[in-house]
Protein backbone atom coordinates (compact mmCIF):
# COMPACT_ATOMS: atom_id res chain seq x y z
CA MET A 1 -26.20 37.73 -18.63
CA GLU A 2 -25.28 40.87 -16.78
CA GLY A 3 -22.06 41.82 -15.07
CA THR A 4 -18.52 43.32 -15.46
CA VAL A 5 -17.14 43.40 -18.82
CA THR A 6 -13.31 43.34 -19.26
CA VAL A 7 -11.30 43.85 -22.46
CA THR A 8 -7.75 42.70 -22.64
CA SER A 9 -5.32 42.65 -25.51
CA GLY A 10 -2.54 40.29 -26.50
CA ASP A 11 -1.01 38.29 -29.31
CA TRP A 12 -2.58 35.21 -30.98
CA GLU A 13 -0.52 32.87 -28.81
CA SER A 14 -2.11 34.24 -25.67
CA LEU A 15 -5.57 34.94 -26.85
CA GLY A 16 -5.99 32.78 -29.87
CA GLU A 17 -7.93 29.85 -28.33
CA PRO A 18 -10.92 31.79 -26.86
CA ALA A 19 -10.90 34.20 -29.78
CA SER A 20 -10.98 31.54 -32.35
CA LEU A 21 -13.94 29.84 -30.54
CA ILE A 22 -15.82 33.06 -30.63
CA ARG A 23 -15.08 33.63 -34.29
CA ARG A 24 -15.91 30.12 -35.30
CA VAL A 25 -19.40 30.40 -33.55
CA VAL A 26 -20.17 33.93 -35.01
CA PHE A 27 -18.55 33.74 -38.29
CA ILE A 28 -18.42 30.13 -39.52
CA ASP A 29 -21.55 28.80 -37.72
CA GLU A 30 -23.91 31.79 -37.68
CA GLN A 31 -22.92 33.66 -40.81
CA GLN A 32 -21.64 30.62 -42.80
CA VAL A 33 -18.32 32.27 -43.69
CA PRO A 34 -16.09 29.53 -45.36
CA GLN A 35 -13.53 28.44 -42.80
CA GLU A 36 -10.73 29.11 -45.38
CA GLU A 37 -11.85 32.57 -45.50
CA GLU A 38 -12.11 33.05 -41.80
CA TRP A 39 -8.54 31.70 -41.05
CA ASP A 40 -6.51 33.98 -43.41
CA GLY A 41 -3.23 33.44 -42.00
CA LEU A 42 -2.90 36.99 -40.54
CA ASP A 43 -3.66 36.29 -36.95
CA SER A 44 -0.09 35.85 -35.83
CA ALA A 45 0.73 39.35 -37.00
CA CYS A 46 -2.20 41.04 -35.28
CA LEU A 47 -2.94 42.64 -31.95
CA HIS A 48 -6.04 40.80 -30.61
CA PHE A 49 -8.70 41.91 -28.10
CA LEU A 50 -10.78 39.67 -25.86
CA ALA A 51 -13.88 40.75 -24.05
CA THR A 52 -15.07 38.72 -20.94
CA LEU A 53 -18.19 39.02 -19.15
CA GLN A 54 -18.00 37.91 -15.70
CA GLY A 55 -14.69 36.06 -16.68
CA GLU A 56 -16.31 34.28 -19.63
CA PRO A 57 -14.99 35.18 -23.20
CA VAL A 58 -17.77 36.70 -25.19
CA GLY A 59 -16.17 38.88 -27.83
CA THR A 60 -13.04 39.50 -29.83
CA ALA A 61 -11.57 41.91 -32.45
CA ARG A 62 -8.20 42.16 -33.99
CA LEU A 63 -5.99 45.08 -35.18
CA LEU A 64 -3.65 44.49 -38.14
CA PRO A 65 -0.31 46.05 -38.40
CA ASP A 66 -1.62 48.45 -41.09
CA GLY A 67 -4.39 49.94 -38.87
CA HIS A 68 -7.18 47.79 -40.10
CA ILE A 69 -9.66 46.65 -37.52
CA GLY A 70 -11.46 43.21 -38.19
CA ARG A 71 -12.91 40.10 -37.09
CA VAL A 72 -15.14 41.96 -34.54
CA ALA A 73 -17.46 39.37 -33.09
CA VAL A 74 -19.71 39.06 -30.05
CA LEU A 75 -21.55 35.96 -29.08
CA SER A 76 -25.33 36.23 -29.56
CA ARG A 77 -26.12 35.75 -25.80
CA ALA A 78 -23.86 38.69 -24.89
CA ARG A 79 -24.95 41.19 -27.53
CA GLY A 80 -26.64 44.45 -26.76
CA LYS A 81 -24.59 45.06 -23.63
CA GLY A 82 -22.00 47.44 -25.16
CA ILE A 83 -19.44 44.84 -25.54
CA GLY A 84 -18.91 45.30 -29.25
CA TYR A 85 -18.46 49.18 -28.39
CA GLN A 86 -15.73 48.51 -25.69
CA LEU A 87 -13.86 46.28 -28.09
CA MET A 88 -13.84 48.98 -30.79
CA GLN A 89 -12.83 51.45 -28.27
CA ALA A 90 -9.80 49.29 -27.22
CA ALA A 91 -8.84 48.61 -30.90
CA ILE A 92 -9.10 52.36 -31.83
CA HIS A 93 -6.90 53.44 -28.92
CA ALA A 94 -4.36 50.66 -29.78
CA ALA A 95 -4.40 51.96 -33.46
CA ARG A 96 -3.77 55.49 -32.23
CA ASP A 97 -1.03 54.40 -29.77
CA ALA A 98 0.60 52.42 -32.65
CA GLY A 99 0.93 55.74 -34.58
CA HIS A 100 -1.72 55.13 -37.16
CA THR A 101 -3.46 58.28 -38.46
CA GLN A 102 -6.68 56.39 -39.46
CA ALA A 103 -8.37 53.23 -38.47
CA VAL A 104 -10.02 51.28 -41.39
CA LEU A 105 -12.53 48.45 -41.41
CA SER A 106 -14.82 46.55 -43.85
CA ALA A 107 -18.28 46.70 -42.20
CA GLN A 108 -21.24 44.29 -42.90
CA LEU A 109 -24.04 46.45 -44.16
CA HIS A 110 -26.18 45.72 -41.18
CA ALA A 111 -23.40 47.02 -38.76
CA LEU A 112 -22.72 50.34 -40.50
CA ALA A 113 -24.93 52.34 -37.93
CA PHE A 114 -22.91 50.83 -35.17
CA TYR A 115 -19.53 51.95 -36.65
CA GLU A 116 -20.88 55.30 -37.52
CA ARG A 117 -21.78 55.88 -33.82
CA LEU A 118 -17.96 55.31 -33.16
CA GLY A 119 -17.22 57.95 -35.69
CA PHE A 120 -16.52 55.89 -38.73
CA VAL A 121 -17.40 57.23 -42.08
CA ALA A 122 -18.50 54.78 -45.05
CA HIS A 123 -16.99 55.29 -48.32
CA GLY A 124 -16.90 53.51 -51.66
CA ASP A 125 -19.31 51.01 -53.27
CA VAL A 126 -20.87 47.95 -51.47
CA PHE A 127 -18.73 44.85 -52.12
CA MET A 128 -19.21 41.06 -51.27
CA ASP A 129 -16.79 39.40 -48.95
CA ALA A 130 -17.44 35.86 -47.79
CA GLY A 131 -20.97 36.17 -49.47
CA ILE A 132 -21.80 39.09 -47.22
CA ARG A 133 -22.50 42.70 -48.33
CA HIS A 134 -19.78 45.10 -46.94
CA ARG A 135 -18.60 48.70 -47.14
CA GLU A 136 -15.24 50.29 -46.37
CA MET A 137 -15.27 52.67 -43.41
CA MET A 138 -12.60 55.05 -42.04
CA LEU A 139 -11.94 56.86 -38.89
CA ALA A 140 -9.48 59.75 -38.60
CA LEU A 141 -7.32 59.25 -35.40
C-alpha cells in the first residue's frame, strides 16, 4: 500500500466515523483494550486527526483541550510508512497553535522510541493503562 498520505483535522462529528473504526481495530481488536476504556466520553471535546492513504482512512489521533495527544492509531497494513509521524506532527502543530506550551501523552512502552524521535521526553514511572504498560512523555512547544 503506497501512495499519497493526507492528514486532515476536524471535530468528532466530521471525523468520528472513520476514526472510531480505526481505533476499534487497533485498540479494541488488536490490543484488547476494553470498549468502556476506549470510549471515554472525551471525543466530542477533542480536535481529531485523520490520515488517509490514497483516500482510504488508515490512521487517527486526537488532541484534548488541555494539550494531551492521544488515541494515536495506524492500521497494521499502513504501518511503517510515516503515517504516525505525520499524524503526530499535525497534532503538535495544532497544540502549538492553540497556545499550549507543552504537549503531553501517555506512550505505550513499545512506542517510546517513536515519540522520542519527535522530541518527546519520558518522565515518571511505568504505569498500567488498559492492561498495557505506559510512560508519560512531554514535548516543550
